[in-house]
Amino acid sequence: MVKKLSVLGLLTLACTQVLGSVSPGEQQALRYVDEHHHEALSLLEKSVNINSGTMNFEGVRKTGEMLVPEFEALGFTATMTDGSQYDRAGHLVAKKTGTGPKILLIGHLDTVFEPDSPFQTYEITREGWAKGPGIADMKGGNIIILQSLKALAAAGELQDMNIQVIMTGDEESSGRPLALSKADLIDAAKWADVALGFENGDGDPATANTSRRGAMGWTLTVKGTPAHSSQVFQPEVGAGAIYEASRILQAFYNQLRDEKLLTFNPGKIAGGTEVSHQDKQNRASAFGKDNVVAESALVTGDIRALSAAQVERVKQKMQKIVRQNLPKTSATIEFDEGYPPLAPTDANARLLNMYSQISETLDLGKVTAIDPRNAGAADVAFTAAHVQMALDGLGMGGTAGHTVNEEGDLNTLRTQTKRAALLIYRLHHQGLPSTDS
C-alpha cells in the first residue's frame, strides 16, 4: 500500500527532486519550517502586539524577554543586557559555541511606534498579509532568525555551530555614546567571521544589501552683526547670519550634489536675532524683526555616504565652504557621531551570490543587490570593520515601514526562513565563500 503524502509534503518533495541539490539535513530543516509555520506566525503576532517603541524601555525589554527562553531551549546562553548607561532598554544577546565559521545574526527589538501612537496591534488585512507596528521592520526578521535556528536544531545541525545573536534595543534611535550603546554588537562583530542582518531592506525578498550608506547628523551655527536693516551690507555690519547660512547651503548644493551615492539634507533651519534649539526634541525657534539684521542662524541636517573615505572627503569640503564667510559673519559646522557605512566589497558580493544560489535551489528566484540609495542605515554597518563579509536585508517582505500603514508579507516569513536556514547550514559545512566559489 502506498502511503499518502500531505499536499505540503508533496510540494516539498517535488521541489527537492526537481532541483536535486538539497542535502538530507537541509530537507529536514525545510520540512520543519513548513510544519511549524503556524507557530512562527503566532510568535510574530505576539511580538507585534507588544509595544516596543525605542523609548518604551519596558516594552523593548518585554519583547526581548519573550524570546530569551526560545533561544535557551536551543542551547544558547541568552539574556537582556542593561542599557541604562546609554539611556536605552538594552539588547538581547544570545551565544552558543561550536566549530566552523563564527556566524553573527543581527536583529532589533525596537520600533518607531511609541505608546502614544495610534498604531498598536497586529491585524490580518488580506490573504497572506498582516499589518502591525514593526511587523516588517523588523519583528518579522527576528522571528526568521529564531525559526531558522529551530529548523537547524530539528535537523540535528545546530549543536555544532558557532553562532551569536544580537537583537539591539535601539536601532531606530540609538543611545549615546555609540561606544556604549553599540558595544555588544561591536564585540560580537570582532568575534565573528560573517555577519547576517535580518532587517527588511527595501521590503522585496528578491533583493539583499551588500552595502548600506552610513548616516551622521550635522549642525551649522552662524553668527552675524546685529544692526538696523538700513545698514545691511555696510562695511561695519556686513551680510547678517541668514544671508551667510543661505550662502553656505547654496554652496553645499552646488559643490556636493554630483558626488555619487551621496545625499546631504538640511532638515531644520531657524534664524533671527535670537535662536533657541532643543536638540533632543528636534525643535528650533527664532525671534527677529524684519528691520533688524539677523544675528544668529542654525541649520541641522544629515549626510549619507557609502564609505568612510567618502564621509571624510565630504566633511572636509563642507568645512572649507563654511570657512569662506561673507563680510562680518562667522560660521562653524559640527558633525555628530553616527552610523558607519557598510561599503560594498567583493567578499560581500560572494556572500550574496551564495545566498542567491540557495534561493534558486529553493525555486525562489535570484536575489540581487539593493541600490544603496534605496536603503537606510542599519546596525549591520557596525560590523563592517571587523567581519570578513556581511549581508543584510534578509528579513520579511513588507511595505510602508515607519508608517501606520506598515504591512508584512506573511508568506515571506516562511520563504526567508528557508533561505536563512540553508545559508547558515552551508556556511557551517562549506565555509565562507571564496573567490573560487
Protein backbone atom coordinates (compact mmCIF):
# COMPACT_ATOMS: atom_id res chain seq x y z
CA MET A 1 0.00 0.00 0.00
CA VAL A 2 1.36 3.46 -0.95
CA LYS A 3 1.49 5.85 1.98
CA LYS A 4 -0.30 9.13 1.29
CA LEU A 5 1.64 12.35 1.50
CA SER A 6 0.22 15.70 2.54
CA VAL A 7 -0.01 18.41 -0.11
CA LEU A 8 2.71 20.26 1.79
CA GLY A 9 4.89 17.17 1.78
CA LEU A 10 4.35 16.64 -1.95
CA LEU A 11 5.33 20.24 -2.68
CA THR A 12 8.49 19.98 -0.61
CA LEU A 13 9.40 16.61 -2.16
CA ALA A 14 8.75 17.90 -5.69
CA CYS A 15 10.96 20.91 -5.11
CA THR A 16 13.89 18.87 -3.81
CA GLN A 17 13.52 16.22 -6.53
CA VAL A 18 13.43 18.77 -9.35
CA LEU A 19 16.36 20.77 -8.07
CA GLY A 20 18.29 17.78 -6.81
CA SER A 21 20.79 19.78 -4.74
CA VAL A 22 19.36 19.85 -1.22
CA SER A 23 21.08 17.60 1.30
CA PRO A 24 19.12 15.33 3.66
CA GLY A 25 19.90 17.64 6.58
CA GLU A 26 18.67 20.63 4.62
CA GLN A 27 15.50 18.75 3.68
CA GLN A 28 14.82 18.12 7.36
CA ALA A 29 15.24 21.82 8.11
CA LEU A 30 12.91 22.79 5.25
CA ARG A 31 10.25 20.37 6.47
CA TYR A 32 10.45 21.87 9.94
CA VAL A 33 9.86 25.36 8.55
CA ASP A 34 6.75 24.21 6.70
CA GLU A 35 5.36 22.12 9.53
CA HIS A 36 5.89 24.83 12.17
CA HIS A 37 4.94 27.89 10.14
CA HIS A 38 1.80 28.42 12.23
CA GLU A 39 3.97 28.61 15.37
CA ALA A 40 6.14 31.27 13.75
CA LEU A 41 3.04 33.29 12.83
CA SER A 42 1.73 33.03 16.38
CA LEU A 43 5.04 34.23 17.85
CA LEU A 44 5.15 37.09 15.33
CA GLU A 45 1.67 38.23 16.31
CA LYS A 46 2.57 38.08 19.99
CA SER A 47 5.73 40.14 19.38
CA VAL A 48 3.99 42.77 17.26
CA ASN A 49 1.31 43.24 19.91
CA ILE A 50 3.94 44.29 22.45
CA ASN A 51 4.62 47.99 22.05
CA SER A 52 8.39 48.37 21.78
CA GLY A 53 8.90 51.94 20.67
CA THR A 54 12.55 52.72 21.34
CA MET A 55 11.83 54.89 24.37
CA ASN A 56 9.33 52.44 25.86
CA PHE A 57 12.04 50.61 27.76
CA GLU A 58 9.64 48.23 29.49
CA GLY A 59 8.13 47.20 26.14
CA VAL A 60 11.51 46.71 24.47
CA ARG A 61 12.67 44.54 27.37
CA LYS A 62 9.43 42.56 27.30
CA THR A 63 9.88 41.91 23.58
CA GLY A 64 13.37 40.58 24.20
CA GLU A 65 12.47 38.63 27.30
CA MET A 66 9.75 36.83 25.34
CA LEU A 67 12.47 35.45 23.04
CA VAL A 68 15.12 34.63 25.66
CA PRO A 69 13.62 31.24 26.64
CA GLU A 70 13.22 30.37 22.97
CA PHE A 71 16.97 30.73 22.49
CA GLU A 72 17.75 28.98 25.77
CA ALA A 73 15.72 25.98 24.62
CA LEU A 74 18.08 25.75 21.62
CA GLY A 75 21.17 25.61 23.82
CA PHE A 76 22.08 29.30 23.77
CA THR A 77 23.11 31.39 26.72
CA ALA A 78 20.69 34.29 26.36
CA THR A 79 19.99 37.48 28.29
CA MET A 80 18.71 41.03 28.04
CA THR A 81 21.52 43.47 28.82
CA ASP A 82 21.16 46.67 30.84
CA GLY A 83 21.08 49.81 28.68
CA SER A 84 20.91 52.39 31.46
CA GLN A 85 24.43 53.69 30.71
CA TYR A 86 23.29 54.91 27.31
CA ASP A 87 19.66 55.68 28.20
CA ARG A 88 18.05 52.76 26.36
CA ALA A 89 16.43 49.43 27.26
CA GLY A 90 19.39 47.19 26.40
CA HIS A 91 19.89 44.36 23.91
CA LEU A 92 19.12 40.67 23.59
CA VAL A 93 22.41 38.75 23.41
CA ALA A 94 22.41 35.00 22.71
CA LYS A 95 25.53 32.86 22.27
CA LYS A 96 26.49 29.27 21.60
CA THR A 97 29.90 27.86 20.79
CA GLY A 98 30.79 25.13 18.36
CA THR A 99 33.02 24.63 15.36
CA GLY A 100 33.35 26.16 11.93
CA PRO A 101 32.84 29.77 10.88
CA LYS A 102 31.68 32.20 13.56
CA ILE A 103 28.31 33.50 12.42
CA LEU A 104 26.65 36.64 13.78
CA LEU A 105 22.90 37.11 13.28
CA ILE A 106 21.56 40.65 13.79
CA GLY A 107 18.06 41.90 14.56
CA HIS A 108 16.46 44.68 16.59
CA LEU A 109 13.67 44.73 19.13
CA ASP A 110 12.55 48.36 18.94
CA THR A 111 10.17 50.12 16.55
CA VAL A 112 9.40 53.75 15.71
CA PHE A 113 5.91 53.45 17.26
CA GLU A 114 5.83 54.70 20.84
CA PRO A 115 2.90 54.04 23.26
CA ASP A 116 1.12 57.23 22.15
CA SER A 117 0.98 56.06 18.52
CA PRO A 118 -2.48 55.09 17.21
CA PHE A 119 -0.83 52.05 15.56
CA GLN A 120 -0.56 49.30 18.18
CA THR A 121 -1.92 45.91 17.10
CA TYR A 122 -1.48 43.03 14.68
CA GLU A 123 -4.27 42.68 12.15
CA ILE A 124 -4.78 40.44 9.11
CA THR A 125 -5.50 42.75 6.18
CA ARG A 126 -5.78 40.38 3.23
CA GLU A 127 -4.80 36.89 2.22
CA GLY A 128 -1.21 36.31 3.35
CA TRP A 129 -0.71 39.85 4.67
CA ALA A 130 -0.94 41.49 8.07
CA LYS A 131 -0.33 44.98 9.42
CA GLY A 132 1.15 45.99 12.74
CA PRO A 133 3.80 48.20 14.31
CA GLY A 134 7.23 46.91 13.31
CA ILE A 135 5.88 43.79 11.62
CA ALA A 136 8.36 44.07 8.76
CA ASP A 137 10.86 46.44 10.40
CA MET A 138 11.77 44.20 11.98
CA LYS A 139 9.87 41.83 14.20
CA GLY A 140 9.40 39.51 11.25
CA GLY A 141 13.18 39.39 10.83
CA ASN A 142 13.63 38.47 14.49
CA ILE A 143 11.26 35.53 14.08
CA ILE A 144 13.10 34.45 10.92
CA ILE A 145 16.35 34.31 12.92
CA LEU A 146 14.75 32.21 15.64
CA GLN A 147 12.81 29.93 13.30
CA SER A 148 15.83 29.21 11.09
CA LEU A 149 17.79 28.15 14.17
CA LYS A 150 14.91 25.94 15.30
CA ALA A 151 14.87 24.33 11.87
CA LEU A 152 18.60 23.62 12.05
CA ALA A 153 18.17 22.18 15.54
CA ALA A 154 15.39 19.90 14.30
CA ALA A 155 17.77 18.66 11.59
CA GLY A 156 20.43 17.88 14.22
CA GLU A 157 22.77 20.57 12.89
CA LEU A 158 22.66 23.46 15.34
CA GLN A 159 24.55 21.92 18.24
CA ASP A 160 27.89 22.01 16.38
CA MET A 161 27.60 25.59 15.15
CA ASN A 162 29.35 28.78 16.30
CA ILE A 163 26.60 31.41 16.49
CA GLN A 164 25.89 34.69 18.24
CA VAL A 165 22.62 36.60 18.00
CA ILE A 166 22.38 40.31 18.79
CA MET A 167 18.96 41.98 18.76
CA THR A 168 19.52 45.60 19.65
CA GLY A 169 17.03 47.66 21.59
CA ASP A 170 17.87 50.99 20.00
CA GLU A 171 18.27 50.60 16.25
CA GLU A 172 15.57 53.14 15.46
CA SER A 173 17.04 55.75 17.83
CA SER A 174 20.49 54.85 19.08
CA GLY A 175 21.61 55.55 22.61
CA ARG A 176 24.62 57.77 23.16
CA PRO A 177 27.50 57.47 23.28
CA LEU A 178 27.60 54.90 20.49
CA ALA A 179 30.75 53.42 22.05
CA LEU A 180 28.47 52.14 24.83
CA SER A 181 25.20 51.54 23.01
CA LYS A 182 26.84 49.51 20.23
CA ALA A 183 29.48 47.81 22.39
CA ASP A 184 27.73 44.41 22.47
CA LEU A 185 27.27 44.47 18.70
CA ILE A 186 30.85 45.54 18.01
CA ASP A 187 32.25 42.93 20.42
CA ALA A 188 30.21 40.26 18.62
CA ALA A 189 31.49 41.54 15.26
CA LYS A 190 35.09 41.29 16.47
CA TRP A 191 34.37 37.67 17.36
CA ALA A 192 32.56 36.82 14.13
CA ASP A 193 33.75 35.85 10.66
CA VAL A 194 30.49 36.72 8.91
CA ALA A 195 27.53 38.95 9.80
CA LEU A 196 23.97 38.40 8.57
CA GLY A 197 21.42 41.15 9.14
CA PHE A 198 17.70 40.46 9.11
CA GLU A 199 16.38 43.97 8.51
CA ASN A 200 13.83 44.02 5.69
CA GLY A 201 15.98 46.06 3.29
CA ASP A 202 13.73 47.57 0.64
CA GLY A 203 10.93 45.15 1.54
CA ASP A 204 11.48 42.97 -1.53
CA PRO A 205 12.83 39.44 -0.88
CA ALA A 206 14.30 39.43 -4.40
CA THR A 207 16.96 41.83 -3.10
CA ALA A 208 19.51 41.99 -0.29
CA ASN A 209 22.08 44.51 0.96
CA THR A 210 25.76 44.07 0.20
CA SER A 211 26.21 47.71 1.20
CA ARG A 212 24.48 50.38 3.25
CA ARG A 213 25.24 54.04 3.38
CA GLY A 214 26.30 55.43 6.71
CA ALA A 215 24.43 58.34 8.26
CA MET A 216 25.52 61.18 10.50
CA GLY A 217 24.00 64.47 11.57
CA TRP A 218 25.49 67.94 11.30
CA THR A 219 24.75 71.30 12.91
CA LEU A 220 25.63 74.59 11.27
CA THR A 221 25.84 77.60 13.60
CA VAL A 222 26.11 81.07 12.03
CA LYS A 223 26.75 84.47 13.60
CA GLY A 224 26.26 87.93 12.10
CA THR A 225 26.47 91.54 13.29
CA PRO A 226 23.10 92.86 14.51
CA ALA A 227 22.08 96.29 13.25
CA HIS A 228 19.19 98.22 11.76
CA SER A 229 18.22 96.73 8.43
CA SER A 230 19.01 100.01 6.67
CA GLN A 231 22.68 99.32 7.36
CA VAL A 232 22.85 95.79 5.93
CA PHE A 233 25.89 95.28 3.65
CA GLN A 234 27.67 98.34 5.07
CA PRO A 235 31.33 97.55 5.89
CA GLU A 236 30.78 97.66 9.64
CA VAL A 237 27.62 95.46 9.50
CA GLY A 238 28.07 93.01 6.65
CA ALA A 239 25.55 90.48 5.38
CA GLY A 240 24.00 89.06 8.56
CA ALA A 241 23.57 85.48 9.69
CA ILE A 242 20.69 84.47 7.43
CA TYR A 243 22.45 85.51 4.23
CA GLU A 244 25.55 83.62 5.39
CA ALA A 245 23.52 80.48 6.14
CA SER A 246 21.93 80.76 2.71
CA ARG A 247 25.33 81.10 1.04
CA ILE A 248 26.61 78.00 2.78
CA LEU A 249 23.58 75.88 1.88
CA GLN A 250 23.71 77.01 -1.74
CA ALA A 251 27.40 76.13 -1.91
CA PHE A 252 26.70 72.69 -0.42
CA TYR A 253 24.11 72.18 -3.15
CA ASN A 254 26.34 73.38 -5.99
CA GLN A 255 29.56 71.66 -4.94
CA LEU A 256 28.38 68.35 -3.48
CA ARG A 257 25.24 67.25 -5.32
CA ASP A 258 27.18 65.48 -8.11
CA GLU A 259 29.04 63.26 -5.63
CA LYS A 260 27.95 59.70 -6.44
CA LEU A 261 25.71 58.00 -3.85
CA LEU A 262 25.98 60.96 -1.50
CA THR A 263 22.97 62.72 -0.02
CA PHE A 264 23.12 65.71 2.31
CA ASN A 265 19.90 67.17 3.58
CA PRO A 266 19.22 70.30 5.65
CA GLY A 267 16.21 69.24 7.69
CA LYS A 268 15.70 72.18 10.04
CA ILE A 269 16.56 75.91 9.92
CA ALA A 270 15.99 78.91 12.18
CA GLY A 271 17.35 82.45 12.05
CA GLY A 272 16.88 85.90 13.54
CA THR A 273 18.01 87.98 16.47
CA GLU A 274 17.72 85.03 18.88
CA VAL A 275 17.66 81.30 18.12
CA SER A 276 16.70 78.54 20.55
CA HIS A 277 17.47 74.89 19.80
CA GLN A 278 16.04 71.89 21.66
CA ASP A 279 18.12 69.16 20.06
CA LYS A 280 16.58 66.13 21.78
CA GLN A 281 13.08 67.30 20.90
CA ASN A 282 14.10 68.12 17.31
CA ARG A 283 12.79 71.65 17.75
CA ALA A 284 14.17 75.11 16.97
CA SER A 285 12.60 78.54 17.32
CA ALA A 286 13.66 82.08 16.45
CA PHE A 287 12.81 85.68 17.29
CA GLY A 288 13.63 88.50 14.92
CA LYS A 289 12.27 91.61 13.24
CA ASP A 290 12.16 92.44 9.56
CA ASN A 291 14.02 95.67 10.22
CA VAL A 292 16.92 94.05 12.11
CA VAL A 293 19.93 92.31 10.53
CA ALA A 294 19.93 88.71 11.77
CA GLU A 295 22.49 87.95 14.45
CA SER A 296 22.04 84.15 14.55
CA ALA A 297 21.10 81.25 12.33
CA LEU A 298 21.09 77.50 12.85
CA VAL A 299 20.68 74.63 10.41
CA THR A 300 20.67 70.90 11.15
CA GLY A 301 20.77 68.05 8.68
CA ASP A 302 22.32 64.72 7.80
CA ILE A 303 24.83 63.13 5.43
CA ARG A 304 24.54 59.67 3.93
CA ALA A 305 27.60 58.21 2.22
CA LEU A 306 28.79 54.82 1.02
CA SER A 307 32.29 54.64 2.50
CA ALA A 308 34.34 56.08 5.33
CA ALA A 309 36.60 57.73 2.74
CA GLN A 310 33.63 59.45 1.13
CA VAL A 311 32.40 60.66 4.52
CA GLU A 312 35.79 62.20 5.31
CA ARG A 313 36.12 63.80 1.90
CA VAL A 314 32.66 65.37 2.12
CA LYS A 315 33.22 66.63 5.66
CA GLN A 316 36.37 68.40 4.52
CA LYS A 317 34.53 70.02 1.58
CA MET A 318 31.73 71.21 3.85
CA GLN A 319 34.17 72.64 6.38
CA LYS A 320 36.00 74.55 3.63
CA ILE A 321 32.72 76.04 2.39
CA VAL A 322 31.74 77.06 5.92
CA ARG A 323 35.01 78.97 6.40
CA GLN A 324 34.54 81.20 3.34
CA ASN A 325 32.41 83.73 5.20
CA LEU A 326 30.53 86.72 3.94
CA PRO A 327 31.61 90.09 5.48
CA LYS A 328 31.19 90.39 9.25
CA THR A 329 29.87 86.85 9.66
CA SER A 330 31.29 83.62 11.08
CA ALA A 331 30.15 80.02 10.94
CA THR A 332 31.02 76.62 12.36
CA ILE A 333 29.82 73.14 11.49
CA GLU A 334 29.82 70.18 13.88
CA PHE A 335 29.31 66.54 12.89
CA ASP A 336 27.58 64.05 15.17
CA GLU A 337 28.73 60.50 15.69
CA GLY A 338 26.56 58.34 13.51
CA TYR A 339 26.13 55.04 11.75
CA PRO A 340 29.20 53.97 9.76
CA PRO A 341 28.77 52.82 6.17
CA LEU A 342 28.81 49.20 5.08
CA ALA A 343 30.87 49.62 1.93
CA PRO A 344 30.39 47.19 -0.97
CA THR A 345 33.16 44.58 -1.15
CA ASP A 346 33.95 41.57 -3.30
CA ALA A 347 33.51 39.36 -0.24
CA ASN A 348 30.02 40.72 0.40
CA ALA A 349 29.18 40.11 -3.26
CA ARG A 350 30.34 36.48 -2.95
CA LEU A 351 28.13 36.02 0.09
CA LEU A 352 25.17 37.40 -1.84
CA ASN A 353 25.93 35.01 -4.69
CA MET A 354 25.88 32.10 -2.26
CA TYR A 355 22.54 33.31 -0.88
CA SER A 356 21.12 33.77 -4.38
CA GLN A 357 22.15 30.26 -5.40
CA ILE A 358 20.32 28.91 -2.35
CA SER A 359 17.25 30.90 -3.34
CA GLU A 360 17.36 29.44 -6.86
CA THR A 361 17.82 25.96 -5.40
CA LEU A 362 14.57 26.54 -3.49
CA ASP A 363 12.91 27.74 -6.71
CA LEU A 364 12.52 31.21 -5.21
CA GLY A 365 14.43 33.08 -7.90
CA LYS A 366 17.63 35.11 -7.94
CA VAL A 367 18.49 37.67 -5.27
CA THR A 368 20.21 40.85 -6.42
CA ALA A 369 21.91 43.68 -4.56
CA ILE A 370 19.83 46.65 -3.45
CA ASP A 371 20.84 50.06 -4.80
CA PRO A 372 22.33 51.74 -1.69
CA ARG A 373 20.17 54.79 -2.43
CA ASN A 374 17.12 52.65 -1.62
CA ALA A 375 18.18 51.53 1.85
CA GLY A 376 18.83 53.41 5.05
CA ALA A 377 21.46 52.94 7.71
CA ALA A 378 21.35 49.79 9.85
CA ASP A 379 23.11 48.06 12.73
CA VAL A 380 24.95 45.65 10.42
CA ALA A 381 27.19 48.56 9.41
CA PHE A 382 28.88 48.47 12.83
CA THR A 383 30.31 45.07 11.87
CA ALA A 384 31.91 46.26 8.62
CA ALA A 385 35.35 46.98 10.06
CA HIS A 386 35.58 43.60 11.78
CA VAL A 387 33.97 40.74 9.83
CA GLN A 388 35.26 39.17 6.62
CA MET A 389 31.90 39.59 4.89
CA ALA A 390 28.39 40.77 5.62
CA LEU A 391 24.92 40.65 4.10
CA ASP A 392 21.76 42.42 5.21
CA GLY A 393 18.13 42.71 4.13
CA LEU A 394 17.35 39.04 4.86
CA GLY A 395 14.16 39.83 6.77
CA MET A 396 10.47 39.58 5.97
CA GLY A 397 8.96 41.30 2.95
CA GLY A 398 6.67 44.22 3.56
CA THR A 399 5.58 47.73 2.67
CA ALA A 400 5.14 51.19 4.20
CA GLY A 401 7.66 50.77 7.02
CA HIS A 402 7.78 53.51 9.65
CA THR A 403 4.17 54.46 8.88
CA VAL A 404 0.82 53.45 10.34
CA ASN A 405 0.21 51.50 7.13
CA GLU A 406 3.15 49.12 7.67
CA GLU A 407 2.33 45.64 6.38
CA GLY A 408 4.18 42.34 6.31
CA ASP A 409 4.03 39.62 3.68
CA LEU A 410 3.42 36.54 5.81
CA ASN A 411 4.34 34.15 3.01
CA THR A 412 7.86 35.53 3.05
CA LEU A 413 8.21 34.66 6.73
CA ARG A 414 8.35 31.05 5.57
CA THR A 415 10.48 31.53 2.44
CA GLN A 416 13.01 33.85 4.07
CA THR A 417 13.38 31.39 6.95
CA LYS A 418 14.18 28.62 4.48
CA ARG A 419 16.78 30.74 2.72
CA ALA A 420 18.37 31.73 6.04
CA ALA A 421 18.45 28.17 7.38
CA LEU A 422 20.20 26.88 4.28
CA LEU A 423 22.64 29.79 4.22
CA ILE A 424 23.69 29.14 7.82
CA TYR A 425 23.86 25.39 7.12
CA ARG A 426 26.13 25.88 4.11
CA LEU A 427 28.34 28.44 5.79
CA HIS A 428 28.91 25.89 8.53
CA HIS A 429 29.57 22.94 6.21
CA GLN A 430 31.25 24.67 3.25
CA GLY A 431 32.89 27.64 4.95
CA LEU A 432 32.84 31.22 3.78
CA PRO A 433 32.58 31.61 0.00
CA SER A 434 35.98 32.27 -1.56
CA THR A 435 36.97 33.79 -4.88
CA ASP A 436 36.88 30.27 -6.31
CA SER A 437 33.24 29.73 -5.25
